[in-house]
Amino acid sequence: MTNALRKAWEEVVRPLILRPRRVQVAALCVRRGEDGPEVLLVTSRDTGRWIVPKGWPIDGLDGAEAAAREAWEEAGVRPAGFSRKPVGTYKYDKILSNGVPEPILTNVYRIKVEGLAEDYPERDQRQRRWVPATEAAGLVREPELQDLLRGLQ
C-alpha cells in the first residue's frame, strides 16, 4: 500500500467504518384494532416519509420516558403505559445537513396509547396515521423496524 493510500485508509475510511453508532429512542405506539394491533406512524419533517416517533435521549429521562416524550411532541400521544425495556432495536443512517451519513442505533419502546391530543407541539409539521402493523411494516424503510412491526401481536 502506498503512503497516500495508507493515510487515506487510517484517517478517512477506517474511522468511518469503525466509528460508534449514536443512539436514539423510538416510540412504538400501539392500540388494538379490529384485525389486530395498529401502529401510529408519523411523517418525518424533512422528507415526509413514514416513521415511528423518535429522537435523541433526554437528560433526566430514561429511554422509555424519552420515547414517550417524543411520541407526545411528534404525534400528541397520551400514553396509557409503556415498557421500560426496549422491545427491539433498528439501525439506520441519518443524513446530516452536510450530506454525510451518520450511523444510528435506535432503541424501540412499546407504548400503549390511551388517546391522541388534537393540540401538540409538532402538529403543523407532521401527519399521523394509525395503520395495521403489517401495513406499517411496508411503509417504513428500515428492514429491522419492518421485522419488528411484522412480529407485533
C-alpha atoms as a PDB file:
ATOM      1  CA  MET A   1       0.000   0.000   0.000  1.00  0.00           C
ATOM      2  CA  THR A   2       1.353   3.436  -0.849  1.00  0.00           C
ATOM      3  CA  ASN A   3       1.724   6.063   1.843  1.00  0.00           C
ATOM      4  CA  ALA A   4      -1.164   8.107   0.385  1.00  0.00           C
ATOM      5  CA  LEU A   5      -3.496   5.093   0.381  1.00  0.00           C
ATOM      6  CA  ARG A   6      -2.420   4.074   3.869  1.00  0.00           C
ATOM      7  CA  LYS A   7      -3.019   7.605   5.145  1.00  0.00           C
ATOM      8  CA  ALA A   8      -6.452   7.749   3.462  1.00  0.00           C
ATOM      9  CA  TRP A   9      -7.353   4.372   4.990  1.00  0.00           C
ATOM     10  CA  GLU A  10      -6.186   5.304   8.502  1.00  0.00           C
ATOM     11  CA  GLU A  11      -7.548   8.870   8.577  1.00  0.00           C
ATOM     12  CA  VAL A  12     -10.732   8.690   6.500  1.00  0.00           C
ATOM     13  CA  VAL A  13     -12.073   5.268   5.543  1.00  0.00           C
ATOM     14  CA  ARG A  14     -11.285   3.235   8.666  1.00  0.00           C
ATOM     15  CA  PRO A  15     -12.772   5.792  11.119  1.00  0.00           C
ATOM     16  CA  LEU A  16     -15.962   5.943   9.051  1.00  0.00           C
ATOM     17  CA  ILE A  17     -16.329   2.166   9.154  1.00  0.00           C
ATOM     18  CA  LEU A  18     -15.416   1.711  12.808  1.00  0.00           C
ATOM     19  CA  ARG A  19     -16.985   4.773  14.383  1.00  0.00           C
ATOM     20  CA  PRO A  20     -19.510   4.033  17.134  1.00  0.00           C
ATOM     21  CA  ARG A  21     -23.179   4.484  16.423  1.00  0.00           C
ATOM     22  CA  ARG A  22     -25.076   7.251  18.145  1.00  0.00           C
ATOM     23  CA  VAL A  23     -28.217   6.145  19.956  1.00  0.00           C
ATOM     24  CA  GLN A  24     -31.794   7.357  19.562  1.00  0.00           C
ATOM     25  CA  VAL A  25     -35.041   6.272  21.198  1.00  0.00           C
ATOM     26  CA  ALA A  26     -38.242   5.443  19.331  1.00  0.00           C
ATOM     27  CA  ALA A  27     -41.849   5.043  20.395  1.00  0.00           C
ATOM     28  CA  LEU A  28     -43.758   2.061  19.024  1.00  0.00           C
ATOM     29  CA  CYS A  29     -47.237   3.404  19.722  1.00  0.00           C
ATOM     30  CA  VAL A  30     -49.846   0.650  19.556  1.00  0.00           C
ATOM     31  CA  ARG A  31     -53.546   0.103  20.011  1.00  0.00           C
ATOM     32  CA  ARG A  32     -55.798  -2.882  19.469  1.00  0.00           C
ATOM     33  CA  GLY A  33     -57.593  -2.662  16.115  1.00  0.00           C
ATOM     34  CA  GLU A  34     -60.422  -4.796  14.751  1.00  0.00           C
ATOM     35  CA  ASP A  35     -57.982  -7.090  12.926  1.00  0.00           C
ATOM     36  CA  GLY A  36     -55.045  -6.962  15.333  1.00  0.00           C
ATOM     37  CA  PRO A  37     -52.501  -4.411  16.510  1.00  0.00           C
ATOM     38  CA  GLU A  38     -52.360  -0.993  14.886  1.00  0.00           C
ATOM     39  CA  VAL A  39     -49.297   1.249  14.909  1.00  0.00           C
ATOM     40  CA  LEU A  40     -49.163   5.033  14.894  1.00  0.00           C
ATOM     41  CA  LEU A  41     -46.847   6.371  12.206  1.00  0.00           C
ATOM     42  CA  VAL A  42     -45.834   9.984  11.650  1.00  0.00           C
ATOM     43  CA  THR A  43     -44.142  11.681   8.737  1.00  0.00           C
ATOM     44  CA  SER A  44     -40.589  12.924   9.036  1.00  0.00           C
ATOM     45  CA  ARG A  45     -40.181  16.680   8.838  1.00  0.00           C
ATOM     46  CA  ASP A  46     -37.551  16.650   6.126  1.00  0.00           C
ATOM     47  CA  THR A  47     -38.634  14.006   3.575  1.00  0.00           C
ATOM     48  CA  GLY A  48     -42.223  13.278   4.601  1.00  0.00           C
ATOM     49  CA  ARG A  49     -41.579   9.522   4.773  1.00  0.00           C
ATOM     50  CA  TRP A  50     -43.431   7.397   7.322  1.00  0.00           C
ATOM     51  CA  ILE A  51     -41.538   6.708  10.571  1.00  0.00           C
ATOM     52  CA  VAL A  52     -42.236   5.934  14.209  1.00  0.00           C
ATOM     53  CA  PRO A  53     -41.772   8.884  16.584  1.00  0.00           C
ATOM     54  CA  LYS A  54     -38.124   9.028  17.596  1.00  0.00           C
ATOM     55  CA  GLY A  55     -35.412  11.341  18.842  1.00  0.00           C
ATOM     56  CA  TRP A  56     -32.301  11.773  20.929  1.00  0.00           C
ATOM     57  CA  PRO A  57     -32.067  10.753  24.590  1.00  0.00           C
ATOM     58  CA  ILE A  58     -33.187  13.456  27.020  1.00  0.00           C
ATOM     59  CA  ASP A  59     -31.188  14.332  30.146  1.00  0.00           C
ATOM     60  CA  GLY A  60     -33.024  13.237  33.284  1.00  0.00           C
ATOM     61  CA  LEU A  61     -35.272  10.730  31.473  1.00  0.00           C
ATOM     62  CA  ASP A  62     -34.707   7.045  30.867  1.00  0.00           C
ATOM     63  CA  GLY A  63     -35.108   5.631  27.360  1.00  0.00           C
ATOM     64  CA  ALA A  64     -38.792   4.776  27.749  1.00  0.00           C
ATOM     65  CA  GLU A  65     -39.622   8.208  29.168  1.00  0.00           C
ATOM     66  CA  ALA A  66     -37.719   9.948  26.373  1.00  0.00           C
ATOM     67  CA  ALA A  67     -39.555   7.831  23.765  1.00  0.00           C
ATOM     68  CA  ALA A  68     -42.886   8.763  25.369  1.00  0.00           C
ATOM     69  CA  ARG A  69     -41.895  12.450  25.237  1.00  0.00           C
ATOM     70  CA  GLU A  70     -41.058  12.113  21.523  1.00  0.00           C
ATOM     71  CA  ALA A  71     -44.436  10.445  20.927  1.00  0.00           C
ATOM     72  CA  TRP A  72     -46.144  13.402  22.628  1.00  0.00           C
ATOM     73  CA  GLU A  73     -44.186  16.058  20.733  1.00  0.00           C
ATOM     74  CA  GLU A  74     -44.434  14.412  17.294  1.00  0.00           C
ATOM     75  CA  ALA A  75     -47.898  12.824  17.457  1.00  0.00           C
ATOM     76  CA  GLY A  76     -49.807  14.060  20.519  1.00  0.00           C
ATOM     77  CA  VAL A  77     -49.759  10.624  22.167  1.00  0.00           C
ATOM     78  CA  ARG A  78     -51.272  10.318  25.629  1.00  0.00           C
ATOM     79  CA  PRO A  79     -49.785   7.050  26.894  1.00  0.00           C
ATOM     80  CA  ALA A  80     -51.753   4.520  28.924  1.00  0.00           C
ATOM     81  CA  GLY A  81     -48.439   2.854  29.774  1.00  0.00           C
ATOM     82  CA  PHE A  82     -45.116   1.830  28.312  1.00  0.00           C
ATOM     83  CA  SER A  83     -42.428  -0.808  28.670  1.00  0.00           C
ATOM     84  CA  ARG A  84     -39.238   0.233  30.467  1.00  0.00           C
ATOM     85  CA  LYS A  85     -37.184  -2.209  28.399  1.00  0.00           C
ATOM     86  CA  PRO A  86     -36.762  -1.841  24.640  1.00  0.00           C
ATOM     87  CA  VAL A  87     -38.810  -4.313  22.590  1.00  0.00           C
ATOM     88  CA  GLY A  88     -36.146  -4.182  19.901  1.00  0.00           C
ATOM     89  CA  THR A  89     -33.625  -2.077  18.044  1.00  0.00           C
ATOM     90  CA  TYR A  90     -33.001  -0.991  14.486  1.00  0.00           C
ATOM     91  CA  LYS A  91     -30.170   0.728  12.679  1.00  0.00           C
ATOM     92  CA  TYR A  92     -30.282   3.433  10.035  1.00  0.00           C
ATOM     93  CA  ASP A  93     -28.100   6.155   8.597  1.00  0.00           C
ATOM     94  CA  LYS A  94     -29.198   9.699   9.431  1.00  0.00           C
ATOM     95  CA  ILE A  95     -28.132  12.089   6.691  1.00  0.00           C
ATOM     96  CA  LEU A  96     -26.625  15.169   8.295  1.00  0.00           C
ATOM     97  CA  SER A  97     -27.030  18.692   6.916  1.00  0.00           C
ATOM     98  CA  ASN A  98     -23.609  18.392   5.242  1.00  0.00           C
ATOM     99  CA  GLY A  99     -24.763  15.244   3.400  1.00  0.00           C
ATOM    100  CA  VAL A 100     -22.653  12.832   5.460  1.00  0.00           C
ATOM    101  CA  PRO A 101     -24.473   9.733   6.757  1.00  0.00           C
ATOM    102  CA  GLU A 102     -24.261   9.113  10.489  1.00  0.00           C
ATOM    103  CA  PRO A 103     -24.960   5.567  11.731  1.00  0.00           C
ATOM    104  CA  ILE A 104     -27.703   5.472  14.368  1.00  0.00           C
ATOM    105  CA  LEU A 105     -28.799   2.650  16.666  1.00  0.00           C
ATOM    106  CA  THR A 106     -32.413   3.139  17.731  1.00  0.00           C
ATOM    107  CA  ASN A 107     -33.861   1.540  20.870  1.00  0.00           C
ATOM    108  CA  VAL A 108     -37.606   0.939  20.437  1.00  0.00           C
ATOM    109  CA  TYR A 109     -40.038   1.187  23.371  1.00  0.00           C
ATOM    110  CA  ARG A 110     -43.633  -0.040  23.133  1.00  0.00           C
ATOM    111  CA  ILE A 111     -46.224   2.496  24.247  1.00  0.00           C
ATOM    112  CA  LYS A 112     -49.865   1.622  24.794  1.00  0.00           C
ATOM    113  CA  VAL A 113     -51.888   4.633  23.651  1.00  0.00           C
ATOM    114  CA  GLU A 114     -54.760   5.999  25.717  1.00  0.00           C
ATOM    115  CA  GLY A 115     -55.614   8.708  23.203  1.00  0.00           C
ATOM    116  CA  LEU A 116     -54.312  11.389  20.864  1.00  0.00           C
ATOM    117  CA  ALA A 117     -54.411  15.105  21.562  1.00  0.00           C
ATOM    118  CA  GLU A 118     -55.550  17.471  18.851  1.00  0.00           C
ATOM    119  CA  ASP A 119     -53.100  20.141  20.007  1.00  0.00           C
ATOM    120  CA  TYR A 120     -49.438  19.059  20.367  1.00  0.00           C
ATOM    121  CA  PRO A 121     -46.040  20.654  19.644  1.00  0.00           C
ATOM    122  CA  GLU A 122     -45.372  19.375  16.089  1.00  0.00           C
ATOM    123  CA  ARG A 123     -48.977  19.170  14.780  1.00  0.00           C
ATOM    124  CA  ASP A 124     -48.242  21.614  11.952  1.00  0.00           C
ATOM    125  CA  GLN A 125     -45.025  19.848  10.917  1.00  0.00           C
ATOM    126  CA  ARG A 126     -46.147  16.214  10.606  1.00  0.00           C
ATOM    127  CA  GLN A 127     -49.000  13.946   9.619  1.00  0.00           C
ATOM    128  CA  ARG A 128     -50.002  11.000  11.773  1.00  0.00           C
ATOM    129  CA  ARG A 129     -51.843   7.833  10.852  1.00  0.00           C
ATOM    130  CA  TRP A 130     -52.961   4.594  12.518  1.00  0.00           C
ATOM    131  CA  VAL A 131     -52.249   1.550  10.346  1.00  0.00           C
ATOM    132  CA  PRO A 132     -52.295  -2.219  10.866  1.00  0.00           C
ATOM    133  CA  ALA A 133     -48.847  -3.424  11.946  1.00  0.00           C
ATOM    134  CA  THR A 134     -48.321  -5.410   8.730  1.00  0.00           C
ATOM    135  CA  GLU A 135     -49.145  -2.347   6.630  1.00  0.00           C
ATOM    136  CA  ALA A 136     -46.843  -0.192   8.782  1.00  0.00           C
ATOM    137  CA  ALA A 137     -44.013  -2.636   8.015  1.00  0.00           C
ATOM    138  CA  GLY A 138     -44.484  -1.868   4.325  1.00  0.00           C
ATOM    139  CA  LEU A 139     -44.452   1.898   4.863  1.00  0.00           C
ATOM    140  CA  VAL A 140     -41.229   2.288   6.868  1.00  0.00           C
ATOM    141  CA  ARG A 141     -37.812   1.928   5.196  1.00  0.00           C
ATOM    142  CA  GLU A 142     -35.666   0.320   7.876  1.00  0.00           C
ATOM    143  CA  PRO A 143     -35.544  -3.506   7.465  1.00  0.00           C
ATOM    144  CA  GLU A 144     -35.075  -4.219  11.187  1.00  0.00           C
ATOM    145  CA  LEU A 145     -38.019  -1.965  12.059  1.00  0.00           C
ATOM    146  CA  GLN A 146     -40.079  -3.724   9.382  1.00  0.00           C
ATOM    147  CA  ASP A 147     -39.288  -7.070  11.054  1.00  0.00           C
ATOM    148  CA  LEU A 148     -40.241  -5.687  14.473  1.00  0.00           C
ATOM    149  CA  LEU A 149     -43.573  -4.451  13.118  1.00  0.00           C
ATOM    150  CA  ARG A 150     -44.346  -7.747  11.384  1.00  0.00           C
ATOM    151  CA  GLY A 151     -43.773  -9.561  14.694  1.00  0.00           C
ATOM    152  CA  LEU A 152     -46.246  -7.438  16.704  1.00  0.00           C
ATOM    153  CA  GLN A 153     -49.058  -9.295  18.446  1.00  0.00           C
END
